[in-house]
Amino acid sequence: MKYFLDFDRTLFDTDAFVVQVEDDEKTDLLSTPQAWQHYQSVPFLFHDAIHFLKDKNPSDITIVTAVTEVAGKDAHGFQKAKVEQSPITEHVGNFVYVVGEKGEIMKELTANIPTDETIVFIDDKIEQCLSVKQLVPHCHCFLMVRNPADSGAVEGVTDMTIVHTLHDVEAALQLL
């Protein structure tokens, strides 16, 4: 089984991080690599992130995370510093930074994976899941909705499984 996971709002509680930075009155650090000289990612990882990753072979795990150019010229450096200073690095074989939709890169990343091997993609953005599903139709897409109260906004979604935790992903994969 090969796993491709988003970072923000899938493994990392981005909203809690932003609130902390705002509470600390350090918003000038948002979207800059310098933020990670003042903060560590550990307190902002979701409780199930390390547990989910550590039970797998790192060579089977790729983090595919989006870099939002709107966040500024240092957005790539910010994202790279955030992800790579995290304790997840020892559990992950590859890190890929994408601008825009993830479908094309997922098509490239999965091109040499045998079709009988299970491919899992987990992301909190419906447009990313749809992009991947369109170009890698045999991929099992999981839409991460960490706050169950937000589930109403994605009712009726097809071709992907809505989950609230990484434990939900594990449970759904057991049924395959």
Protein backbone atom coordinates (compact mmCIF):
# COMPACT_ATOMS: atom_id res chain seq x y z
CA MET A 1 0.00 0.00 0.00
CA LYS A 2 1.30 3.45 -0.95
CA TYR A 3 0.19 6.51 1.00
CA PHE A 4 0.12 10.11 -0.23
CA LEU A 5 -0.89 12.60 2.44
CA ASP A 6 -1.43 16.31 2.58
CA PHE A 7 0.20 18.07 5.54
CA ASP A 8 -1.93 21.07 6.54
CA ARG A 9 -5.24 20.18 8.18
CA THR A 10 -4.51 16.50 7.60
CA LEU A 11 -1.46 15.96 9.82
CA PHE A 12 -0.92 19.51 11.09
CA ASP A 13 -3.54 21.66 12.83
CA THR A 14 -2.97 24.80 10.77
CA ASP A 15 -5.88 26.65 12.37
CA ALA A 16 -4.50 26.11 15.91
CA PHE A 17 -1.09 27.28 14.74
CA VAL A 18 -2.48 30.49 13.25
CA VAL A 19 -4.46 31.19 16.44
CA GLN A 20 -1.29 30.71 18.51
CA VAL A 21 0.73 33.05 16.29
CA GLU A 22 -2.04 35.65 16.49
CA ASP A 23 -2.26 35.27 20.29
CA ASP A 24 1.52 35.75 20.48
CA GLU A 25 1.18 38.86 18.28
CA LYS A 26 3.72 37.47 15.80
CA THR A 27 1.58 37.54 12.66
CA ASP A 28 4.49 39.10 10.76
CA LEU A 29 6.06 35.61 10.91
CA LEU A 30 3.14 33.87 9.19
CA SER A 31 4.19 32.39 5.85
CA THR A 32 7.89 33.03 6.51
CA PRO A 33 10.51 30.37 7.23
CA GLN A 34 11.56 32.41 10.27
CA ALA A 35 8.36 31.32 12.02
CA TRP A 36 10.02 27.96 12.66
CA GLN A 37 12.79 29.61 14.65
CA HIS A 38 10.07 30.56 17.16
CA TYR A 39 7.71 27.59 16.94
CA GLN A 40 7.91 23.83 16.75
CA SER A 41 5.39 21.79 14.80
CA VAL A 42 4.99 19.09 17.48
CA PRO A 43 2.28 20.86 19.52
CA PHE A 44 0.27 21.41 16.34
CA LEU A 45 0.37 17.88 14.94
CA PHE A 46 -2.97 16.13 15.21
CA HIS A 47 -2.94 13.48 17.93
CA ASP A 48 -3.16 10.62 15.43
CA ALA A 49 -0.49 11.80 12.95
CA ILE A 50 2.63 10.09 14.31
CA HIS A 51 0.74 6.95 15.30
CA PHE A 52 -0.64 6.59 11.77
CA LEU A 53 2.74 7.11 10.11
CA LYS A 54 4.96 5.08 12.43
CA ASP A 55 3.22 1.79 11.68
CA LYS A 56 4.13 2.00 8.00
CA ASN A 57 7.28 1.67 5.95
CA PRO A 58 8.62 5.19 5.29
CA SER A 59 9.27 4.28 1.66
CA ASP A 60 5.50 3.81 1.27
CA ILE A 61 4.68 7.33 2.50
CA THR A 62 4.86 10.56 0.54
CA ILE A 63 3.77 13.95 1.80
CA VAL A 64 2.24 15.93 -1.07
CA THR A 65 1.66 19.42 0.19
CA ALA A 66 0.51 22.54 -1.59
CA VAL A 67 2.39 25.79 -1.52
CA THR A 68 0.05 28.74 -1.85
CA GLU A 69 1.68 31.52 -3.81
CA VAL A 70 -0.91 33.91 -2.40
CA ALA A 71 0.82 33.50 0.98
CA GLY A 72 3.80 35.47 -0.30
CA LYS A 73 7.26 35.04 -1.75
CA ASP A 74 8.50 33.03 1.23
CA ALA A 75 5.57 30.60 1.16
CA HIS A 76 7.63 27.73 -0.23
CA GLY A 77 10.36 28.22 2.36
CA PHE A 78 7.75 28.47 5.11
CA GLN A 79 6.05 25.25 4.05
CA LYS A 80 9.32 23.37 3.62
CA ALA A 81 10.63 24.49 7.02
CA LYS A 82 7.32 23.62 8.71
CA VAL A 83 7.14 20.14 7.25
CA GLU A 84 10.78 19.20 7.46
CA GLN A 85 11.39 20.33 11.06
CA SER A 86 8.49 18.14 12.13
CA PRO A 87 9.05 14.74 13.78
CA ILE A 88 7.15 13.11 10.93
CA THR A 89 10.27 13.24 8.75
CA GLU A 90 11.61 9.97 10.17
CA HIS A 91 8.39 8.25 9.08
CA VAL A 92 8.17 9.67 5.56
CA GLY A 93 10.11 8.61 2.49
CA ASN A 94 9.41 11.55 0.21
CA PHE A 95 8.22 15.17 0.35
CA VAL A 96 6.66 16.85 -2.66
CA TYR A 97 5.69 20.54 -2.79
CA VAL A 98 3.03 21.48 -5.32
CA VAL A 99 1.64 24.78 -6.54
CA GLY A 100 -1.95 24.26 -7.64
CA GLU A 101 -3.82 21.00 -8.01
CA LYS A 102 -2.22 17.71 -7.01
CA GLY A 103 -3.70 15.50 -9.75
CA GLU A 104 -0.82 15.90 -12.23
CA ILE A 105 1.91 15.22 -9.70
CA MET A 106 -0.03 12.24 -8.33
CA LYS A 107 -0.28 10.86 -11.85
CA GLU A 108 3.52 11.14 -12.13
CA LEU A 109 4.17 9.77 -8.63
CA THR A 110 1.94 6.74 -9.16
CA ALA A 111 2.89 5.96 -12.77
CA ASN A 112 5.24 3.11 -11.81
CA ILE A 113 3.14 1.64 -9.02
CA PRO A 114 1.60 -1.68 -10.09
CA THR A 115 -2.14 -1.35 -10.66
CA ASP A 116 -2.85 -4.12 -8.15
CA GLU A 117 -1.20 -2.14 -5.33
CA THR A 118 -3.51 0.04 -3.24
CA ILE A 119 -2.89 3.77 -3.57
CA VAL A 120 -4.24 6.01 -0.81
CA PHE A 121 -4.54 9.79 -1.08
CA ILE A 122 -5.63 11.87 1.95
CA ASP A 123 -6.32 15.61 1.73
CA ASP A 124 -8.59 18.16 3.38
CA LYS A 125 -9.42 19.95 0.12
CA ILE A 126 -12.20 18.52 -1.99
CA GLU A 127 -10.73 20.08 -5.15
CA GLN A 128 -7.46 18.23 -4.53
CA CYS A 129 -9.27 14.91 -4.10
CA LEU A 130 -11.29 15.52 -7.27
CA SER A 131 -8.12 16.44 -9.19
CA VAL A 132 -6.41 13.24 -8.08
CA LYS A 133 -9.46 11.06 -8.71
CA GLN A 134 -9.77 12.44 -12.24
CA LEU A 135 -6.17 11.61 -13.18
CA VAL A 136 -5.60 8.55 -10.97
CA PRO A 137 -9.04 6.92 -10.95
CA HIS A 138 -7.89 3.73 -9.19
CA CYS A 139 -6.63 5.78 -6.21
CA HIS A 140 -8.58 5.56 -2.95
CA CYS A 141 -9.22 9.20 -2.04
CA PHE A 142 -10.04 10.23 1.50
CA LEU A 143 -11.37 13.71 2.19
CA MET A 144 -10.18 14.72 5.67
CA VAL A 145 -12.80 16.78 7.50
CA ARG A 146 -11.27 17.13 10.98
CA ASN A 147 -14.30 18.97 12.35
CA PRO A 148 -17.38 16.72 11.98
CA ALA A 149 -19.59 19.84 12.10
CA ASP A 150 -18.17 20.74 8.67
CA SER A 151 -19.37 17.48 7.11
CA GLY A 152 -22.60 19.03 5.89
CA ALA A 153 -20.62 21.09 3.40
CA VAL A 154 -19.44 17.91 1.65
CA GLU A 155 -22.58 15.78 1.75
CA GLY A 156 -23.28 13.97 -1.49
CA VAL A 157 -19.61 13.74 -2.46
CA THR A 158 -18.88 10.62 -4.47
CA ASP A 159 -15.69 8.78 -5.45
CA MET A 160 -14.06 9.52 -2.12
CA THR A 161 -14.52 8.63 1.52
CA ILE A 162 -15.08 11.39 4.06
CA VAL A 163 -13.06 10.82 7.24
CA HIS A 164 -12.52 12.78 10.46
CA THR A 165 -9.38 11.05 11.72
CA LEU A 166 -6.56 8.94 10.39
CA HIS A 167 -8.07 6.09 12.43
CA ASP A 168 -11.12 6.41 10.15
CA VAL A 169 -8.81 5.94 7.16
CA GLU A 170 -7.36 2.78 8.71
CA ALA A 171 -10.85 1.43 9.42
CA ALA A 172 -11.99 2.09 5.84
CA LEU A 173 -8.86 0.45 4.42
CA GLN A 174 -9.57 -2.67 6.47
CA LEU A 175 -12.79 -3.04 4.49
CA LEU A 176 -11.06 -3.05 1.10
